[in-house]
PDB file of N, CA and C in Angstrom:
ATOM      1  N   UNK A   1       0.844  -1.188   0.000  1.00  0.00           N
ATOM      2  CA  UNK A   1       0.000   0.000   0.000  1.00  0.00           C
ATOM      3  C   UNK A   1       0.888   1.249   0.000  1.00  0.00           C
ATOM      4  N   UNK A   2       0.502   2.238  -0.783  1.00  0.00           N
ATOM      5  CA  UNK A   2       1.289   3.458  -0.909  1.00  0.00           C
ATOM      6  C   UNK A   2       1.243   4.276   0.377  1.00  0.00           C
ATOM      7  N   UNK A   3       2.367   4.939   0.669  1.00  0.00           N
ATOM      8  CA  UNK A   3       2.406   5.796   1.853  1.00  0.00           C
ATOM      9  C   UNK A   3       1.960   7.214   1.509  1.00  0.00           C
ATOM     10  N   UNK A   4       1.691   7.478   0.222  1.00  0.00           N
ATOM     11  CA  UNK A   4       1.241   8.806  -0.198  1.00  0.00           C
ATOM     12  C   UNK A   4      -0.189   8.722  -0.722  1.00  0.00           C
ATOM     13  N   UNK A   5      -0.954   9.731  -0.423  1.00  0.00           N
ATOM     14  CA  UNK A   5      -2.342   9.836  -0.874  1.00  0.00           C
ATOM     15  C   UNK A   5      -2.437  11.161  -1.615  1.00  0.00           C
ATOM     16  N   UNK A   6      -2.881  11.105  -2.850  1.00  0.00           N
ATOM     17  CA  UNK A   6      -2.824  12.266  -3.724  1.00  0.00           C
ATOM     18  C   UNK A   6      -4.209  12.798  -4.053  1.00  0.00           C
ATOM     19  N   UNK A   7      -4.323  14.120  -4.001  1.00  0.00           N
ATOM     20  CA  UNK A   7      -5.538  14.817  -4.422  1.00  0.00           C
ATOM     21  C   UNK A   7      -5.210  15.557  -5.707  1.00  0.00           C
ATOM     22  N   UNK A   8      -6.059  15.367  -6.721  1.00  0.00           N
ATOM     23  CA  UNK A   8      -5.930  16.097  -7.980  1.00  0.00           C
ATOM     24  C   UNK A   8      -6.915  17.255  -7.975  1.00  0.00           C
ATOM     25  N   UNK A   9      -6.427  18.430  -8.297  1.00  0.00           N
ATOM     26  CA  UNK A   9      -7.287  19.603  -8.461  1.00  0.00           C
ATOM     27  C   UNK A   9      -7.322  19.844  -9.964  1.00  0.00           C
ATOM     28  N   UNK A  10      -8.495  19.648 -10.575  1.00  0.00           N
ATOM     29  CA  UNK A  10      -8.556  19.643 -12.033  1.00  0.00           C
ATOM     30  C   UNK A  10      -9.424  20.751 -12.620  1.00  0.00           C
ATOM     31  N   UNK A  11      -9.877  21.660 -11.801  1.00  0.00           N
ATOM     32  CA  UNK A  11     -10.672  22.762 -12.324  1.00  0.00           C
ATOM     33  C   UNK A  11     -11.325  23.533 -11.201  1.00  0.00           C
ATOM     34  N   UNK A  12     -12.283  24.369 -11.581  1.00  0.00           N
ATOM     35  CA  UNK A  12     -12.952  25.207 -10.599  1.00  0.00           C
ATOM     36  C   UNK A  12     -14.360  25.518 -11.069  1.00  0.00           C
ATOM     37  N   UNK A  13     -15.217  25.785 -10.117  1.00  0.00           N
ATOM     38  CA  UNK A  13     -16.606  26.148 -10.366  1.00  0.00           C
ATOM     39  C   UNK A  13     -16.766  27.663 -10.236  1.00  0.00           C
ATOM     40  N   UNK A  14     -17.852  28.166 -10.792  1.00  0.00           N
ATOM     41  CA  UNK A  14     -18.176  29.585 -10.638  1.00  0.00           C
ATOM     42  C   UNK A  14     -18.215  29.904  -9.142  1.00  0.00           C
ATOM     43  N   UNK A  15     -17.618  31.014  -8.774  1.00  0.00           N
ATOM     44  CA  UNK A  15     -17.557  31.391  -7.363  1.00  0.00           C
ATOM     45  C   UNK A  15     -16.348  30.831  -6.633  1.00  0.00           C
ATOM     46  N   UNK A  16     -15.411  30.237  -7.370  1.00  0.00           N
ATOM     47  CA  UNK A  16     -14.193  29.680  -6.780  1.00  0.00           C
ATOM     48  C   UNK A  16     -13.529  30.727  -5.895  1.00  0.00           C
ATOM     49  N   UNK A  17     -13.244  30.356  -4.668  1.00  0.00           N
ATOM     50  CA  UNK A  17     -12.679  31.269  -3.673  1.00  0.00           C
ATOM     51  C   UNK A  17     -11.159  31.108  -3.660  1.00  0.00           C
ATOM     52  N   UNK A  18     -10.493  31.892  -4.505  1.00  0.00           N
ATOM     53  CA  UNK A  18      -9.055  31.715  -4.703  1.00  0.00           C
ATOM     54  C   UNK A  18      -8.243  31.958  -3.432  1.00  0.00           C
ATOM     55  N   UNK A  19      -8.610  32.970  -2.675  1.00  0.00           N
ATOM     56  CA  UNK A  19      -7.850  33.274  -1.452  1.00  0.00           C
ATOM     57  C   UNK A  19      -8.031  32.157  -0.431  1.00  0.00           C
ATOM     58  N   UNK A  20      -9.255  31.667  -0.276  1.00  0.00           N
ATOM     59  CA  UNK A  20      -9.489  30.558   0.650  1.00  0.00           C
ATOM     60  C   UNK A  20      -8.733  29.310   0.206  1.00  0.00           C
ATOM     61  N   UNK A  21      -8.664  29.085  -1.107  1.00  0.00           N
ATOM     62  CA  UNK A  21      -7.932  27.924  -1.619  1.00  0.00           C
ATOM     63  C   UNK A  21      -6.444  28.078  -1.353  1.00  0.00           C
ATOM     64  N   UNK A  22      -5.902  29.274  -1.539  1.00  0.00           N
ATOM     65  CA  UNK A  22      -4.481  29.500  -1.227  1.00  0.00           C
ATOM     66  C   UNK A  22      -4.210  29.231   0.246  1.00  0.00           C
ATOM     67  N   UNK A  23      -5.084  29.721   1.115  1.00  0.00           N
ATOM     68  CA  UNK A  23      -4.917  29.493   2.559  1.00  0.00           C
ATOM     69  C   UNK A  23      -4.970  28.006   2.882  1.00  0.00           C
ATOM     70  N   UNK A  24      -5.898  27.304   2.230  1.00  0.00           N
ATOM     71  CA  UNK A  24      -6.038  25.866   2.456  1.00  0.00           C
ATOM     72  C   UNK A  24      -4.776  25.122   2.017  1.00  0.00           C
ATOM     73  N   UNK A  25      -4.285  25.439   0.847  1.00  0.00           N
ATOM     74  CA  UNK A  25      -3.071  24.786   0.342  1.00  0.00           C
ATOM     75  C   UNK A  25      -1.905  25.041   1.295  1.00  0.00           C
ATOM     76  N   UNK A  26      -1.784  26.264   1.764  1.00  0.00           N
ATOM     77  CA  UNK A  26      -0.694  26.590   2.705  1.00  0.00           C
ATOM     78  C   UNK A  26      -0.850  25.810   4.010  1.00  0.00           C
ATOM     79  N   UNK A  27      -2.061  25.794   4.549  1.00  0.00           N
ATOM     80  CA  UNK A  27      -2.281  25.173   5.859  1.00  0.00           C
ATOM     81  C   UNK A  27      -2.190  23.651   5.806  1.00  0.00           C
ATOM     82  N   UNK A  28      -2.799  23.041   4.809  1.00  0.00           N
ATOM     83  CA  UNK A  28      -2.890  21.573   4.768  1.00  0.00           C
ATOM     84  C   UNK A  28      -1.736  20.889   4.055  1.00  0.00           C
ATOM     85  N   UNK A  29      -1.154  21.583   3.067  1.00  0.00           N
ATOM     86  CA  UNK A  29      -0.079  20.961   2.289  1.00  0.00           C
ATOM     87  C   UNK A  29       1.290  21.521   2.658  1.00  0.00           C
ATOM     88  N   UNK A  30       1.320  22.576   3.489  1.00  0.00           N
ATOM     89  CA  UNK A  30       2.580  23.130   3.941  1.00  0.00           C
ATOM     90  C   UNK A  30       3.377  23.823   2.845  1.00  0.00           C
ATOM     91  N   UNK A  31       2.673  24.405   1.893  1.00  0.00           N
ATOM     92  CA  UNK A  31       3.327  25.077   0.774  1.00  0.00           C
ATOM     93  C   UNK A  31       3.435  26.570   1.082  1.00  0.00           C
ATOM     94  N   UNK A  32       4.538  27.176   0.706  1.00  0.00           N
ATOM     95  CA  UNK A  32       4.758  28.603   0.932  1.00  0.00           C
ATOM     96  C   UNK A  32       3.774  29.447   0.129  1.00  0.00           C
ATOM     97  N   UNK A  33       3.577  30.691   0.547  1.00  0.00           N
ATOM     98  CA  UNK A  33       2.594  31.582  -0.065  1.00  0.00           C
ATOM     99  C   UNK A  33       2.766  31.718  -1.578  1.00  0.00           C
ATOM    100  N   UNK A  34       3.963  31.999  -2.038  1.00  0.00           N
ATOM    101  CA  UNK A  34       4.202  32.176  -3.469  1.00  0.00           C
ATOM    102  C   UNK A  34       3.883  30.928  -4.269  1.00  0.00           C
ATOM    103  N   UNK A  35       4.244  29.774  -3.710  1.00  0.00           N
ATOM    104  CA  UNK A  35       3.966  28.509  -4.392  1.00  0.00           C
ATOM    105  C   UNK A  35       2.470  28.186  -4.382  1.00  0.00           C
ATOM    106  N   UNK A  36       1.785  28.518  -3.285  1.00  0.00           N
ATOM    107  CA  UNK A  36       0.337  28.300  -3.206  1.00  0.00           C
ATOM    108  C   UNK A  36      -0.383  29.188  -4.216  1.00  0.00           C
ATOM    109  N   UNK A  37       0.048  30.437  -4.337  1.00  0.00           N
ATOM    110  CA  UNK A  37      -0.532  31.345  -5.317  1.00  0.00           C
ATOM    111  C   UNK A  37      -0.312  30.815  -6.731  1.00  0.00           C
ATOM    112  N   UNK A  38       0.900  30.357  -7.012  1.00  0.00           N
ATOM    113  CA  UNK A  38       1.211  29.816  -8.336  1.00  0.00           C
ATOM    114  C   UNK A  38       0.349  28.588  -8.642  1.00  0.00           C
ATOM    115  N   UNK A  39       0.163  27.714  -7.661  1.00  0.00           N
ATOM    116  CA  UNK A  39      -0.669  26.523  -7.852  1.00  0.00           C
ATOM    117  C   UNK A  39      -2.105  26.924  -8.186  1.00  0.00           C
ATOM    118  N   UNK A  40      -2.671  27.840  -7.432  1.00  0.00           N
ATOM    119  CA  UNK A  40      -4.050  28.286  -7.674  1.00  0.00           C
ATOM    120  C   UNK A  40      -4.156  28.935  -9.052  1.00  0.00           C
ATOM    121  N   UNK A  41      -3.176  29.736  -9.426  1.00  0.00           N
ATOM    122  CA  UNK A  41      -3.193  30.364 -10.750  1.00  0.00           C
ATOM    123  C   UNK A  41      -3.124  29.330 -11.867  1.00  0.00           C
ATOM    124  N   UNK A  42      -2.329  28.283 -11.674  1.00  0.00           N
ATOM    125  CA  UNK A  42      -2.258  27.217 -12.689  1.00  0.00           C
ATOM    126  C   UNK A  42      -3.598  26.503 -12.821  1.00  0.00           C
ATOM    127  N   UNK A  43      -4.286  26.283 -11.698  1.00  0.00           N
ATOM    128  CA  UNK A  43      -5.617  25.673 -11.748  1.00  0.00           C
ATOM    129  C   UNK A  43      -6.567  26.579 -12.536  1.00  0.00           C
ATOM    130  N   UNK A  44      -6.513  27.876 -12.281  1.00  0.00           N
ATOM    131  CA  UNK A  44      -7.373  28.820 -12.992  1.00  0.00           C
ATOM    132  C   UNK A  44      -7.080  28.831 -14.495  1.00  0.00           C
ATOM    133  N   UNK A  45      -5.847  28.522 -14.862  1.00  0.00           N
ATOM    134  CA  UNK A  45      -5.453  28.485 -16.269  1.00  0.00           C
ATOM    135  C   UNK A  45      -5.754  27.148 -16.931  1.00  0.00           C
ATOM    136  N   UNK A  46      -6.252  26.184 -16.157  1.00  0.00           N
ATOM    137  CA  UNK A  46      -6.638  24.893 -16.726  1.00  0.00           C
ATOM    138  C   UNK A  46      -5.703  23.738 -16.454  1.00  0.00           C
ATOM    139  N   UNK A  47      -4.678  23.960 -15.671  1.00  0.00           N
ATOM    140  CA  UNK A  47      -3.736  22.897 -15.336  1.00  0.00           C
ATOM    141  C   UNK A  47      -4.322  21.964 -14.272  1.00  0.00           C
ATOM    142  N   UNK A  48      -3.933  20.695 -14.331  1.00  0.00           N
ATOM    143  CA  UNK A  48      -4.281  19.740 -13.284  1.00  0.00           C
ATOM    144  C   UNK A  48      -3.122  19.719 -12.295  1.00  0.00           C
ATOM    145  N   UNK A  49      -3.423  19.987 -11.044  1.00  0.00           N
ATOM    146  CA  UNK A  49      -2.396  20.021 -10.000  1.00  0.00           C
ATOM    147  C   UNK A  49      -2.618  18.873  -9.023  1.00  0.00           C
ATOM    148  N   UNK A  50      -1.532  18.326  -8.525  1.00  0.00           N
ATOM    149  CA  UNK A  50      -1.607  17.207  -7.585  1.00  0.00           C
ATOM    150  C   UNK A  50      -0.880  17.568  -6.300  1.00  0.00           C
ATOM    151  N   UNK A  51      -1.509  17.225  -5.184  1.00  0.00           N
ATOM    152  CA  UNK A  51      -0.904  17.403  -3.869  1.00  0.00           C
ATOM    153  C   UNK A  51      -0.907  16.059  -3.163  1.00  0.00           C
ATOM    154  N   UNK A  52       0.212  15.697  -2.556  1.00  0.00           N
ATOM    155  CA  UNK A  52       0.330  14.424  -1.849  1.00  0.00           C
ATOM    156  C   UNK A  52       0.275  14.639  -0.348  1.00  0.00           C
ATOM    157  N   UNK A  53      -0.374  13.706   0.320  1.00  0.00           N
ATOM    158  CA  UNK A  53      -0.526  13.740   1.771  1.00  0.00           C
ATOM    159  C   UNK A  53      -0.080  12.402   2.332  1.00  0.00           C
ATOM    160  N   UNK A  54       0.390  12.404   3.569  1.00  0.00           N
ATOM    161  CA  UNK A  54       0.925  11.183   4.169  1.00  0.00           C
ATOM    162  C   UNK A  54      -0.159  10.231   4.657  1.00  0.00           C
ATOM    163  N   UNK A  55      -1.387  10.724   4.825  1.00  0.00           N
ATOM    164  CA  UNK A  55      -2.459   9.825   5.270  1.00  0.00           C
ATOM    165  C   UNK A  55      -3.713  10.036   4.433  1.00  0.00           C
ATOM    166  N   UNK A  56      -4.500   8.992   4.344  1.00  0.00           N
ATOM    167  CA  UNK A  56      -5.771   9.069   3.618  1.00  0.00           C
ATOM    168  C   UNK A  56      -6.685  10.097   4.280  1.00  0.00           C
ATOM    169  N   UNK A  57      -6.666  10.152   5.599  1.00  0.00           N
ATOM    170  CA  UNK A  57      -7.518  11.102   6.318  1.00  0.00           C
ATOM    171  C   UNK A  57      -7.143  12.541   5.972  1.00  0.00           C
ATOM    172  N   UNK A  58      -5.844  12.855   5.919  1.00  0.00           N
ATOM    173  CA  UNK A  58      -5.413  14.206   5.548  1.00  0.00           C
ATOM    174  C   UNK A  58      -5.840  14.542   4.125  1.00  0.00           C
ATOM    175  N   UNK A  59      -5.694  13.588   3.213  1.00  0.00           N
ATOM    176  CA  UNK A  59      -6.091  13.808   1.819  1.00  0.00           C
ATOM    177  C   UNK A  59      -7.599  14.038   1.716  1.00  0.00           C
ATOM    178  N   UNK A  60      -8.386  13.239   2.437  1.00  0.00           N
ATOM    179  CA  UNK A  60      -9.836  13.377   2.389  1.00  0.00           C
ATOM    180  C   UNK A  60     -10.297  14.690   3.015  1.00  0.00           C
ATOM    181  N   UNK A  61      -9.652  15.115   4.086  1.00  0.00           N
ATOM    182  CA  UNK A  61      -9.977  16.392   4.715  1.00  0.00           C
ATOM    183  C   UNK A  61      -9.678  17.538   3.756  1.00  0.00           C
ATOM    184  N   UNK A  62      -8.499  17.496   3.130  1.00  0.00           N
ATOM    185  CA  UNK A  62      -8.144  18.534   2.157  1.00  0.00           C
ATOM    186  C   UNK A  62      -9.158  18.540   1.015  1.00  0.00           C
ATOM    187  N   UNK A  63      -9.504  17.374   0.522  1.00  0.00           N
ATOM    188  CA  UNK A  63     -10.450  17.257  -0.590  1.00  0.00           C
ATOM    189  C   UNK A  63     -11.786  17.914  -0.248  1.00  0.00           C
ATOM    190  N   UNK A  64     -12.337  17.585   0.900  1.00  0.00           N
ATOM    191  CA  UNK A  64     -13.620  18.174   1.319  1.00  0.00           C
ATOM    192  C   UNK A  64     -13.526  19.693   1.397  1.00  0.00           C
ATOM    193  N   UNK A  65     -12.453  20.195   1.983  1.00  0.00           N
ATOM    194  CA  UNK A  65     -12.293  21.638   2.140  1.00  0.00           C
ATOM    195  C   UNK A  65     -12.047  22.319   0.790  1.00  0.00           C
ATOM    196  N   UNK A  66     -11.310  21.669  -0.097  1.00  0.00           N
ATOM    197  CA  UNK A  66     -11.059  22.236  -1.432  1.00  0.00           C
ATOM    198  C   UNK A  66     -12.362  22.356  -2.214  1.00  0.00           C
ATOM    199  N   UNK A  67     -13.201  21.347  -2.133  1.00  0.00           N
ATOM    200  CA  UNK A  67     -14.489  21.379  -2.831  1.00  0.00           C
ATOM    201  C   UNK A  67     -15.356  22.510  -2.293  1.00  0.00           C
ATOM    202  N   UNK A  68     -15.279  22.762  -0.991  1.00  0.00           N
ATOM    203  CA  UNK A  68     -16.046  23.874  -0.399  1.00  0.00           C
ATOM    204  C   UNK A  68     -15.610  25.226  -0.947  1.00  0.00           C
ATOM    205  N   UNK A  69     -14.339  25.348  -1.374  1.00  0.00           N
ATOM    206  CA  UNK A  69     -13.863  26.616  -1.943  1.00  0.00           C
ATOM    207  C   UNK A  69     -14.319  26.801  -3.384  1.00  0.00           C
ATOM    208  N   UNK A  70     -14.846  25.727  -3.985  1.00  0.00           N
ATOM    209  CA  UNK A  70     -15.273  25.786  -5.383  1.00  0.00           C
ATOM    210  C   UNK A  70     -14.336  25.059  -6.325  1.00  0.00           C
ATOM    211  N   UNK A  71     -13.334  24.392  -5.778  1.00  0.00           N
ATOM    212  CA  UNK A  71     -12.417  23.629  -6.626  1.00  0.00           C
ATOM    213  C   UNK A  71     -13.083  22.338  -7.096  1.00  0.00           C
ATOM    214  N   UNK A  72     -12.712  21.913  -8.290  1.00  0.00           N
ATOM    215  CA  UNK A  72     -13.067  20.580  -8.765  1.00  0.00           C
ATOM    216  C   UNK A  72     -11.875  19.709  -8.432  1.00  0.00           C
ATOM    217  N   UNK A  73     -12.093  18.731  -7.570  1.00  0.00           N
ATOM    218  CA  UNK A  73     -10.994  17.916  -7.074  1.00  0.00           C
ATOM    219  C   UNK A  73     -11.458  16.497  -6.824  1.00  0.00           C
ATOM    220  N   UNK A  74     -10.500  15.586  -6.786  1.00  0.00           N
ATOM    221  CA  UNK A  74     -10.801  14.175  -6.509  1.00  0.00           C
ATOM    222  C   UNK A  74      -9.553  13.518  -5.943  1.00  0.00           C
ATOM    223  N   UNK A  75      -9.761  12.414  -5.261  1.00  0.00           N
ATOM    224  CA  UNK A  75      -8.639  11.599  -4.847  1.00  0.00           C
ATOM    225  C   UNK A  75      -8.096  10.934  -6.103  1.00  0.00           C
ATOM    226  N   UNK A  76      -6.798  10.886  -6.231  1.00  0.00           N
ATOM    227  CA  UNK A  76      -6.227  10.283  -7.426  1.00  0.00           C
ATOM    228  C   UNK A  76      -6.714   8.844  -7.530  1.00  0.00           C
ATOM    229  N   UNK A  77      -7.268   8.511  -8.674  1.00  0.00           N
ATOM    230  CA  UNK A  77      -7.822   7.176  -8.887  1.00  0.00           C
ATOM    231  C   UNK A  77      -9.241   7.037  -8.389  1.00  0.00           C
ATOM    232  N   UNK A  78      -9.820   8.140  -7.854  1.00  0.00           N
ATOM    233  CA  UNK A  78     -11.191   8.101  -7.342  1.00  0.00           C
ATOM    234  C   UNK A  78     -12.068   9.106  -8.042  1.00  0.00           C
ATOM    235  N   UNK A  79     -13.296   9.182  -7.623  1.00  0.00           N
ATOM    236  CA  UNK A  79     -14.254  10.121  -8.210  1.00  0.00           C
ATOM    237  C   UNK A  79     -14.853  11.001  -7.130  1.00  0.00           C
ATOM    238  N   UNK A  80     -15.085  12.254  -7.508  1.00  0.00           N
ATOM    239  CA  UNK A  80     -15.830  13.189  -6.654  1.00  0.00           C
ATOM    240  C   UNK A  80     -16.639  14.075  -7.543  1.00  0.00           C
TER     241      UNK A  80
END
């Protein structure tokens, strides 16, 4: 079993809360502000971004919170 659990962010819905998503990425994935901003901007431009977490619970928590911001996201290999 893999020790990494990956969330794919593959788009955004109308009303996407970019600042909340940046804060979430910083808090849950431990990414610096500039890198979090760049990740969110790439998502807005249509890029698929992946974040890895050490536990399934952390990945699922991030996924739920990302969806609340308006992100289109899923667990890698799963559906949401």
